Amino acid sequence: GDPGFFGIVRALAERFGASALRVLPSVPSVGLAF
C-alpha cells in the first residue's frame, strides 16, 4: 500500500535521511477499504 502510512518509510528515513528516499506509494489499504 502506502509505505509512508504506518509503514517502513519512517524507519528508513531515520536511518538514511528523508532525502535519500524516493517513495512511490500504491493505494492506501484503509482508503481502499472505505
Full PDB file with SEQRES, HELIX, SHEET, SSBOND, CRYST1, ORIGX, SCALE, CONECT and MASTER records, all heavy atoms in Angstrom:
SEQRES   1 A   34  GLY ASP PRO GLY PHE PHE GLY ILE VAL ARG ALA LEU ALA          
SEQRES   2 A   34  GLU ARG PHE GLY ALA SER ALA LEU ARG VAL LEU PRO SER          
SEQRES   3 A   34  VAL PRO SER VAL GLY LEU ALA PHE                              
HELIX    1 AA1 VAL A    9  PHE A   16  1                                   8    
HELIX    2 AA2 ALA A   18  ALA A   20  5                                   3    
HELIX    3 AA3 SER A   29  ALA A   33  1                                   5    
CRYST1    1.000    1.000    1.000  90.00  90.00  90.00 P 1           1          
ORIGX1      1.000000  0.000000  0.000000        0.00000                         
ORIGX2      0.000000  1.000000  0.000000        0.00000                         
ORIGX3      0.000000  0.000000  1.000000        0.00000                         
SCALE1      1.000000  0.000000  0.000000        0.00000                         
SCALE2      0.000000  1.000000  0.000000        0.00000                         
SCALE3      0.000000  0.000000  1.000000        0.00000                         
ATOM      1  N   GLY A   1       0.801  -1.221   0.000  1.00  0.00           N  
ATOM      2  CA  GLY A   1       0.000   0.000   0.000  1.00  0.00           C  
ATOM      3  C   GLY A   1       0.828   1.263   0.000  1.00  0.00           C  
ATOM      4  O   GLY A   1       1.709   1.474  -0.828  1.00  0.00           O  
ATOM      5  N   ASP A   2       0.548   2.130   0.953  1.00  0.00           N  
ATOM      6  CA  ASP A   2       1.291   3.377   1.117  1.00  0.00           C  
ATOM      7  C   ASP A   2       2.321   3.170   2.224  1.00  0.00           C  
ATOM      8  O   ASP A   2       1.973   3.156   3.407  1.00  0.00           O  
ATOM      9  CB  ASP A   2       0.334   4.512   1.479  1.00  0.00           C  
ATOM     10  CG  ASP A   2       1.048   5.866   1.602  1.00  0.00           C  
ATOM     11  OD1 ASP A   2       2.296   5.881   1.567  1.00  0.00           O  
ATOM     12  OD2 ASP A   2       0.353   6.885   1.735  1.00  0.00           O  
ATOM     13  N   PRO A   3       3.608   3.001   1.881  1.00  0.00           N  
ATOM     14  CA  PRO A   3       4.615   2.704   2.910  1.00  0.00           C  
ATOM     15  C   PRO A   3       4.923   3.882   3.821  1.00  0.00           C  
ATOM     16  O   PRO A   3       5.668   3.732   4.780  1.00  0.00           O  
ATOM     17  CB  PRO A   3       5.847   2.308   2.090  1.00  0.00           C  
ATOM     18  CG  PRO A   3       5.652   2.971   0.766  1.00  0.00           C  
ATOM     19  CD  PRO A   3       4.176   3.008   0.526  1.00  0.00           C  
ATOM     20  N   GLY A   4       4.350   5.064   3.543  1.00  0.00           N  
ATOM     21  CA  GLY A   4       4.508   6.201   4.437  1.00  0.00           C  
ATOM     22  C   GLY A   4       3.420   6.293   5.474  1.00  0.00           C  
ATOM     23  O   GLY A   4       3.432   7.184   6.323  1.00  0.00           O  
ATOM     24  N   PHE A   5       2.457   5.359   5.449  1.00  0.00           N  
ATOM     25  CA  PHE A   5       1.332   5.369   6.381  1.00  0.00           C  
ATOM     26  C   PHE A   5       1.476   4.166   7.295  1.00  0.00           C  
ATOM     27  O   PHE A   5       1.177   3.047   6.898  1.00  0.00           O  
ATOM     28  CB  PHE A   5       0.015   5.323   5.598  1.00  0.00           C  
ATOM     29  CG  PHE A   5      -1.213   5.511   6.454  1.00  0.00           C  
ATOM     30  CD1 PHE A   5      -1.556   6.765   6.921  1.00  0.00           C  
ATOM     31  CD2 PHE A   5      -2.030   4.443   6.771  1.00  0.00           C  
ATOM     32  CE1 PHE A   5      -2.688   6.951   7.694  1.00  0.00           C  
ATOM     33  CE2 PHE A   5      -3.166   4.613   7.543  1.00  0.00           C  
ATOM     34  CZ  PHE A   5      -3.489   5.869   8.013  1.00  0.00           C  
ATOM     35  N   PHE A   6       1.961   4.372   8.525  1.00  0.00           N  
ATOM     36  CA  PHE A   6       2.257   3.286   9.450  1.00  0.00           C  
ATOM     37  C   PHE A   6       3.198   2.262   8.808  1.00  0.00           C  
ATOM     38  O   PHE A   6       3.078   1.067   9.059  1.00  0.00           O  
ATOM     39  CB  PHE A   6       0.977   2.560   9.895  1.00  0.00           C  
ATOM     40  CG  PHE A   6       0.140   3.321  10.870  1.00  0.00           C  
ATOM     41  CD1 PHE A   6      -1.088   3.829  10.493  1.00  0.00           C  
ATOM     42  CD2 PHE A   6       0.552   3.510  12.167  1.00  0.00           C  
ATOM     43  CE1 PHE A   6      -1.880   4.518  11.395  1.00  0.00           C  
ATOM     44  CE2 PHE A   6      -0.234   4.195  13.081  1.00  0.00           C  
ATOM     45  CZ  PHE A   6      -1.451   4.703  12.696  1.00  0.00           C  
ATOM     46  N   GLY A   7       4.113   2.704   7.960  1.00  0.00           N  
ATOM     47  CA  GLY A   7       4.932   1.766   7.218  1.00  0.00           C  
ATOM     48  C   GLY A   7       6.416   1.979   7.413  1.00  0.00           C  
ATOM     49  O   GLY A   7       6.872   2.665   8.325  1.00  0.00           O  
ATOM     50  N   ILE A   8       7.192   1.420   6.489  1.00  0.00           N  
ATOM     51  CA  ILE A   8       8.636   1.327   6.653  1.00  0.00           C  
ATOM     52  C   ILE A   8       9.357   2.625   6.319  1.00  0.00           C  
ATOM     53  O   ILE A   8      10.551   2.774   6.611  1.00  0.00           O  
ATOM     54  CB  ILE A   8       9.175   0.165   5.776  1.00  0.00           C  
ATOM     55  CG1 ILE A   8      10.561  -0.266   6.274  1.00  0.00           C  
ATOM     56  CG2 ILE A   8       9.173   0.566   4.299  1.00  0.00           C  
ATOM     57  CD1 ILE A   8      11.054  -1.538   5.629  1.00  0.00           C  
ATOM     58  N   VAL A   9       8.682   3.606   5.730  1.00  0.00           N  
ATOM     59  CA  VAL A   9       9.337   4.863   5.373  1.00  0.00           C  
ATOM     60  C   VAL A   9       9.963   5.531   6.593  1.00  0.00           C  
ATOM     61  O   VAL A   9      11.068   6.078   6.524  1.00  0.00           O  
ATOM     62  CB  VAL A   9       8.345   5.815   4.664  1.00  0.00           C  
ATOM     63  CG1 VAL A   9       8.888   7.235   4.619  1.00  0.00           C  
ATOM     64  CG2 VAL A   9       8.078   5.320   3.250  1.00  0.00           C  
ATOM     65  N   ARG A  10       9.280   5.477   7.723  1.00  0.00           N  
ATOM     66  CA  ARG A  10       9.817   6.141   8.907  1.00  0.00           C  
ATOM     67  C   ARG A  10      11.162   5.539   9.311  1.00  0.00           C  
ATOM     68  O   ARG A  10      12.123   6.262   9.601  1.00  0.00           O  
ATOM     69  CB  ARG A  10       8.830   6.038  10.055  1.00  0.00           C  
ATOM     70  CG  ARG A  10       9.398   6.588  11.352  1.00  0.00           C  
ATOM     71  CD  ARG A  10       8.400   6.543  12.484  1.00  0.00           C  
ATOM     72  NE  ARG A  10       9.042   6.903  13.736  1.00  0.00           N  
ATOM     73  CZ  ARG A  10       8.406   7.062  14.875  1.00  0.00           C  
ATOM     74  NH1 ARG A  10       7.114   6.918  14.909  1.00  0.00           N  
ATOM     75  NH2 ARG A  10       9.057   7.371  15.965  1.00  0.00           N  
ATOM     76  N   ALA A  11      11.240   4.207   9.378  1.00  0.00           N  
ATOM     77  CA  ALA A  11      12.483   3.568   9.793  1.00  0.00           C  
ATOM     78  C   ALA A  11      13.612   3.878   8.817  1.00  0.00           C  
ATOM     79  O   ALA A  11      14.758   4.118   9.217  1.00  0.00           O  
ATOM     80  CB  ALA A  11      12.277   2.061   9.902  1.00  0.00           C  
ATOM     81  N   LEU A  12      13.303   3.876   7.511  1.00  0.00           N  
ATOM     82  CA  LEU A  12      14.326   4.180   6.519  1.00  0.00           C  
ATOM     83  C   LEU A  12      14.779   5.636   6.619  1.00  0.00           C  
ATOM     84  O   LEU A  12      15.972   5.938   6.501  1.00  0.00           O  
ATOM     85  CB  LEU A  12      13.786   3.888   5.116  1.00  0.00           C  
ATOM     86  CG  LEU A  12      13.542   2.410   4.787  1.00  0.00           C  
ATOM     87  CD1 LEU A  12      12.762   2.282   3.483  1.00  0.00           C  
ATOM     88  CD2 LEU A  12      14.853   1.641   4.715  1.00  0.00           C  
ATOM     89  N   ALA A  13      13.830   6.556   6.832  1.00  0.00           N  
ATOM     90  CA  ALA A  13      14.187   7.973   6.937  1.00  0.00           C  
ATOM     91  C   ALA A  13      15.022   8.234   8.181  1.00  0.00           C  
ATOM     92  O   ALA A  13      15.939   9.068   8.155  1.00  0.00           O  
ATOM     93  CB  ALA A  13      12.922   8.826   6.948  1.00  0.00           C  
ATOM     94  N   GLU A  14      14.713   7.543   9.277  1.00  0.00           N  
ATOM     95  CA  GLU A  14      15.505   7.716  10.487  1.00  0.00           C  
ATOM     96  C   GLU A  14      16.943   7.257  10.279  1.00  0.00           C  
ATOM     97  O   GLU A  14      17.887   7.858  10.807  1.00  0.00           O  
ATOM     98  CB  GLU A  14      14.874   6.931  11.644  1.00  0.00           C  
ATOM     99  CG  GLU A  14      13.630   7.569  12.227  1.00  0.00           C  
ATOM    100  CD  GLU A  14      13.067   6.768  13.380  1.00  0.00           C  
ATOM    101  OE1 GLU A  14      13.387   5.551  13.475  1.00  0.00           O  
ATOM    102  OE2 GLU A  14      12.305   7.333  14.180  1.00  0.00           O  
ATOM    103  N   ARG A  15      17.120   6.186   9.515  1.00  0.00           N  
ATOM    104  CA  ARG A  15      18.464   5.624   9.327  1.00  0.00           C  
ATOM    105  C   ARG A  15      19.247   6.337   8.229  1.00  0.00           C  
ATOM    106  O   ARG A  15      20.443   6.634   8.390  1.00  0.00           O  
ATOM    107  CB  ARG A  15      18.342   4.127   9.004  1.00  0.00           C  
ATOM    108  CG  ARG A  15      19.661   3.413   8.748  1.00  0.00           C  
ATOM    109  CD  ARG A  15      20.502   3.308  10.017  1.00  0.00           C  
ATOM    110  NE  ARG A  15      21.740   2.589   9.775  1.00  0.00           N  
ATOM    111  CZ  ARG A  15      21.889   1.278   9.929  1.00  0.00           C  
ATOM    112  NH1 ARG A  15      20.871   0.546  10.367  1.00  0.00           N  
ATOM    113  NH2 ARG A  15      23.041   0.705   9.688  1.00  0.00           N  
ATOM    114  N   PHE A  16      18.582   6.641   7.105  1.00  0.00           N  
ATOM    115  CA  PHE A  16      19.304   7.128   5.938  1.00  0.00           C  
ATOM    116  C   PHE A  16      18.980   8.578   5.577  1.00  0.00           C  
ATOM    117  O   PHE A  16      19.650   9.153   4.723  1.00  0.00           O  
ATOM    118  CB  PHE A  16      19.010   6.221   4.730  1.00  0.00           C  
ATOM    119  CG  PHE A  16      19.364   4.787   4.967  1.00  0.00           C  
ATOM    120  CD1 PHE A  16      18.378   3.846   5.198  1.00  0.00           C  
ATOM    121  CD2 PHE A  16      20.689   4.374   4.976  1.00  0.00           C  
ATOM    122  CE1 PHE A  16      18.698   2.521   5.437  1.00  0.00           C  
ATOM    123  CE2 PHE A  16      21.026   3.047   5.203  1.00  0.00           C  
ATOM    124  CZ  PHE A  16      20.026   2.117   5.441  1.00  0.00           C  
ATOM    125  N   GLY A  17      17.957   9.165   6.209  1.00  0.00           N  
ATOM    126  CA  GLY A  17      17.552  10.527   5.893  1.00  0.00           C  
ATOM    127  C   GLY A  17      16.479  10.543   4.815  1.00  0.00           C  
ATOM    128  O   GLY A  17      16.497   9.744   3.878  1.00  0.00           O  
ATOM    129  N   ALA A  18      15.535  11.473   4.961  1.00  0.00           N  
ATOM    130  CA  ALA A  18      14.422  11.547   4.011  1.00  0.00           C  
ATOM    131  C   ALA A  18      14.890  11.867   2.603  1.00  0.00           C  
ATOM    132  O   ALA A  18      14.279  11.432   1.614  1.00  0.00           O  
ATOM    133  CB  ALA A  18      13.411  12.596   4.480  1.00  0.00           C  
ATOM    134  N   SER A  19      15.992  12.619   2.468  1.00  0.00           N  
ATOM    135  CA  SER A  19      16.468  12.999   1.135  1.00  0.00           C  
ATOM    136  C   SER A  19      17.009  11.813   0.354  1.00  0.00           C  
ATOM    137  O   SER A  19      17.177  11.895  -0.869  1.00  0.00           O  
ATOM    138  CB  SER A  19      17.550  14.080   1.259  1.00  0.00           C  
ATOM    139  OG  SER A  19      18.666  13.588   1.995  1.00  0.00           O  
ATOM    140  N   ALA A  20      17.270  10.701   1.035  1.00  0.00           N  
ATOM    141  CA  ALA A  20      17.777   9.514   0.350  1.00  0.00           C  
ATOM    142  C   ALA A  20      16.667   8.635  -0.188  1.00  0.00           C  
ATOM    143  O   ALA A  20      16.944   7.611  -0.823  1.00  0.00           O  
ATOM    144  CB  ALA A  20      18.661   8.704   1.296  1.00  0.00           C  
ATOM    145  N   LEU A  21      15.412   9.005   0.070  1.00  0.00           N  
ATOM    146  CA  LEU A  21      14.287   8.143  -0.281  1.00  0.00           C  
ATOM    147  C   LEU A  21      13.502   8.712  -1.451  1.00  0.00           C  
ATOM    148  O   LEU A  21      13.271   9.925  -1.534  1.00  0.00           O  
ATOM    149  CB  LEU A  21      13.345   7.982   0.910  1.00  0.00           C  
ATOM    150  CG  LEU A  21      13.948   7.491   2.226  1.00  0.00           C  
ATOM    151  CD1 LEU A  21      12.843   7.345   3.274  1.00  0.00           C  
ATOM    152  CD2 LEU A  21      14.689   6.176   2.045  1.00  0.00           C  
ATOM    153  N   ARG A  22      13.088   7.813  -2.336  1.00  0.00           N  
ATOM    154  CA  ARG A  22      12.086   8.133  -3.349  1.00  0.00           C  
ATOM    155  C   ARG A  22      10.928   7.170  -3.109  1.00  0.00           C  
ATOM    156  O   ARG A  22      11.077   5.961  -3.261  1.00  0.00           O  
ATOM    157  CB  ARG A  22      12.640   7.947  -4.760  1.00  0.00           C  
ATOM    158  CG  ARG A  22      11.595   8.240  -5.839  1.00  0.00           C  
ATOM    159  CD  ARG A  22      12.173   8.144  -7.232  1.00  0.00           C  
ATOM    160  NE  ARG A  22      12.665   6.813  -7.550  1.00  0.00           N  
ATOM    161  CZ  ARG A  22      12.810   6.357  -8.799  1.00  0.00           C  
ATOM    162  NH1 ARG A  22      12.528   7.135  -9.827  1.00  0.00           N  
ATOM    163  NH2 ARG A  22      13.277   5.144  -9.008  1.00  0.00           N  
ATOM    164  N   VAL A  23       9.780   7.713  -2.717  1.00  0.00           N  
ATOM    165  CA  VAL A  23       8.643   6.884  -2.317  1.00  0.00           C  
ATOM    166  C   VAL A  23       7.602   6.889  -3.424  1.00  0.00           C  
ATOM    167  O   VAL A  23       7.136   7.953  -3.843  1.00  0.00           O  
ATOM    168  CB  VAL A  23       8.026   7.389  -0.997  1.00  0.00           C  
ATOM    169  CG1 VAL A  23       6.870   6.497  -0.572  1.00  0.00           C  
ATOM    170  CG2 VAL A  23       9.088   7.439   0.104  1.00  0.00           C  
ATOM    171  N   LEU A  24       7.233   5.697  -3.879  1.00  0.00           N  
ATOM    172  CA  LEU A  24       6.208   5.527  -4.908  1.00  0.00           C  
ATOM    173  C   LEU A  24       5.068   4.721  -4.295  1.00  0.00           C  
ATOM    174  O   LEU A  24       5.065   3.487  -4.334  1.00  0.00           O  
ATOM    175  CB  LEU A  24       6.788   4.792  -6.129  1.00  0.00           C  
ATOM    176  CG  LEU A  24       8.014   5.432  -6.783  1.00  0.00           C  
ATOM    177  CD1 LEU A  24       8.544   4.537  -7.905  1.00  0.00           C  
ATOM    178  CD2 LEU A  24       7.673   6.810  -7.323  1.00  0.00           C  
ATOM    179  N   PRO A  25       4.089   5.387  -3.690  1.00  0.00           N  
ATOM    180  CA  PRO A  25       3.042   4.653  -2.964  1.00  0.00           C  
ATOM    181  C   PRO A  25       2.019   4.032  -3.897  1.00  0.00           C  
ATOM    182  O   PRO A  25       1.812   4.482  -5.025  1.00  0.00           O  
ATOM    183  CB  PRO A  25       2.401   5.735  -2.102  1.00  0.00           C  
ATOM    184  CG  PRO A  25       2.580   6.994  -2.906  1.00  0.00           C  
ATOM    185  CD  PRO A  25       3.912   6.842  -3.594  1.00  0.00           C  
ATOM    186  N   SER A  26       1.380   3.011  -3.382  1.00  0.00           N  
ATOM    187  CA  SER A  26       0.184   2.463  -4.006  1.00  0.00           C  
ATOM    188  C   SER A  26      -1.026   3.010  -3.250  1.00  0.00           C  
ATOM    189  O   SER A  26      -0.885   3.866  -2.376  1.00  0.00           O  
ATOM    190  CB  SER A  26       0.226   0.935  -3.960  1.00  0.00           C  
ATOM    191  OG  SER A  26      -0.896   0.391  -4.629  1.00  0.00           O  
ATOM    192  N   VAL A  27      -2.210   2.525  -3.579  1.00  0.00           N  
ATOM    193  CA  VAL A  27      -3.427   2.998  -2.912  1.00  0.00           C  
ATOM    194  C   VAL A  27      -3.392   2.548  -1.453  1.00  0.00           C  
ATOM    195  O   VAL A  27      -3.163   1.367  -1.177  1.00  0.00           O  
ATOM    196  CB  VAL A  27      -4.678   2.426  -3.598  1.00  0.00           C  
ATOM    197  CG1 VAL A  27      -5.949   2.888  -2.890  1.00  0.00           C  
ATOM    198  CG2 VAL A  27      -4.706   2.824  -5.064  1.00  0.00           C  
ATOM    199  N   PRO A  28      -3.588   3.439  -0.480  1.00  0.00           N  
ATOM    200  CA  PRO A  28      -3.615   3.012   0.922  1.00  0.00           C  
ATOM    201  C   PRO A  28      -4.722   1.995   1.153  1.00  0.00           C  
ATOM    202  O   PRO A  28      -5.845   2.158   0.660  1.00  0.00           O  
ATOM    203  CB  PRO A  28      -3.894   4.307   1.693  1.00  0.00           C  
ATOM    204  CG  PRO A  28      -3.544   5.408   0.759  1.00  0.00           C  
ATOM    205  CD  PRO A  28      -3.803   4.891  -0.619  1.00  0.00           C  
ATOM    206  N   SER A  29      -4.407   0.953   1.903  1.00  0.00           N  
ATOM    207  CA  SER A  29      -5.399  -0.097   2.129  1.00  0.00           C  
ATOM    208  C   SER A  29      -6.611   0.439   2.884  1.00  0.00           C  
ATOM    209  O   SER A  29      -7.741   0.008   2.629  1.00  0.00           O  
ATOM    210  CB  SER A  29      -4.771  -1.257   2.895  1.00  0.00           C  
ATOM    211  OG  SER A  29      -4.218  -0.820   4.118  1.00  0.00           O  
ATOM    212  N   VAL A  30      -6.410   1.399   3.787  1.00  0.00           N  
ATOM    213  CA  VAL A  30      -7.536   1.974   4.525  1.00  0.00           C  
ATOM    214  C   VAL A  30      -8.462   2.723   3.569  1.00  0.00           C  
ATOM    215  O   VAL A  30      -9.688   2.565   3.606  1.00  0.00           O  
ATOM    216  CB  VAL A  30      -7.041   2.899   5.646  1.00  0.00           C  
ATOM    217  CG1 VAL A  30      -8.208   3.661   6.267  1.00  0.00           C  
ATOM    218  CG2 VAL A  30      -6.308   2.109   6.710  1.00  0.00           C  
ATOM    219  N   GLY A  31      -7.883   3.541   2.701  1.00  0.00           N  
ATOM    220  CA  GLY A  31      -8.691   4.268   1.733  1.00  0.00           C  
ATOM    221  C   GLY A  31      -9.457   3.333   0.821  1.00  0.00           C  
ATOM    222  O   GLY A  31     -10.625   3.571   0.493  1.00  0.00           O  
ATOM    223  N   LEU A  32      -8.804   2.241   0.398  1.00  0.00           N  
ATOM    224  CA  LEU A  32      -9.471   1.285  -0.478  1.00  0.00           C  
ATOM    225  C   LEU A  32     -10.600   0.559   0.251  1.00  0.00           C  
ATOM    226  O   LEU A  32     -11.670   0.316  -0.315  1.00  0.00           O  
ATOM    227  CB  LEU A  32      -8.450   0.286  -1.018  1.00  0.00           C  
ATOM    228  CG  LEU A  32      -8.915  -0.664  -2.117  1.00  0.00           C  
ATOM    229  CD1 LEU A  32      -9.533   0.096  -3.282  1.00  0.00           C  
ATOM    230  CD2 LEU A  32      -7.760  -1.528  -2.597  1.00  0.00           C  
ATOM    231  N   ALA A  33     -10.383   0.218   1.527  1.00  0.00           N  
ATOM    232  CA  ALA A  33     -11.435  -0.457   2.291  1.00  0.00           C  
ATOM    233  C   ALA A  33     -12.661   0.429   2.436  1.00  0.00           C  
ATOM    234  O   ALA A  33     -13.802  -0.024   2.268  1.00  0.00           O  
ATOM    235  CB  ALA A  33     -10.890  -0.851   3.671  1.00  0.00           C  
ATOM    236  N   PHE A  34     -12.445   1.708   2.763  1.00  0.00           N  
ATOM    237  CA  PHE A  34     -13.588   2.615   2.863  1.00  0.00           C  
ATOM    238  C   PHE A  34     -14.256   2.827   1.506  1.00  0.00           C  
ATOM    239  O   PHE A  34     -15.485   2.979   1.426  1.00  0.00           O  
ATOM    240  CB  PHE A  34     -13.162   3.951   3.472  1.00  0.00           C  
ATOM    241  CG  PHE A  34     -13.133   3.956   4.968  1.00  0.00           C  
ATOM    242  CD1 PHE A  34     -11.935   3.962   5.661  1.00  0.00           C  
ATOM    243  CD2 PHE A  34     -14.315   3.942   5.700  1.00  0.00           C  
ATOM    244  CE1 PHE A  34     -11.913   3.963   7.046  1.00  0.00           C  
ATOM    245  CE2 PHE A  34     -14.309   3.939   7.085  1.00  0.00           C  
ATOM    246  CZ  PHE A  34     -13.099   3.941   7.763  1.00  0.00           C  
TER     247      PHE A  34                                                      
MASTER        0    0    0    3    0    0    0    6  246    1    0    3          
END                                                                             
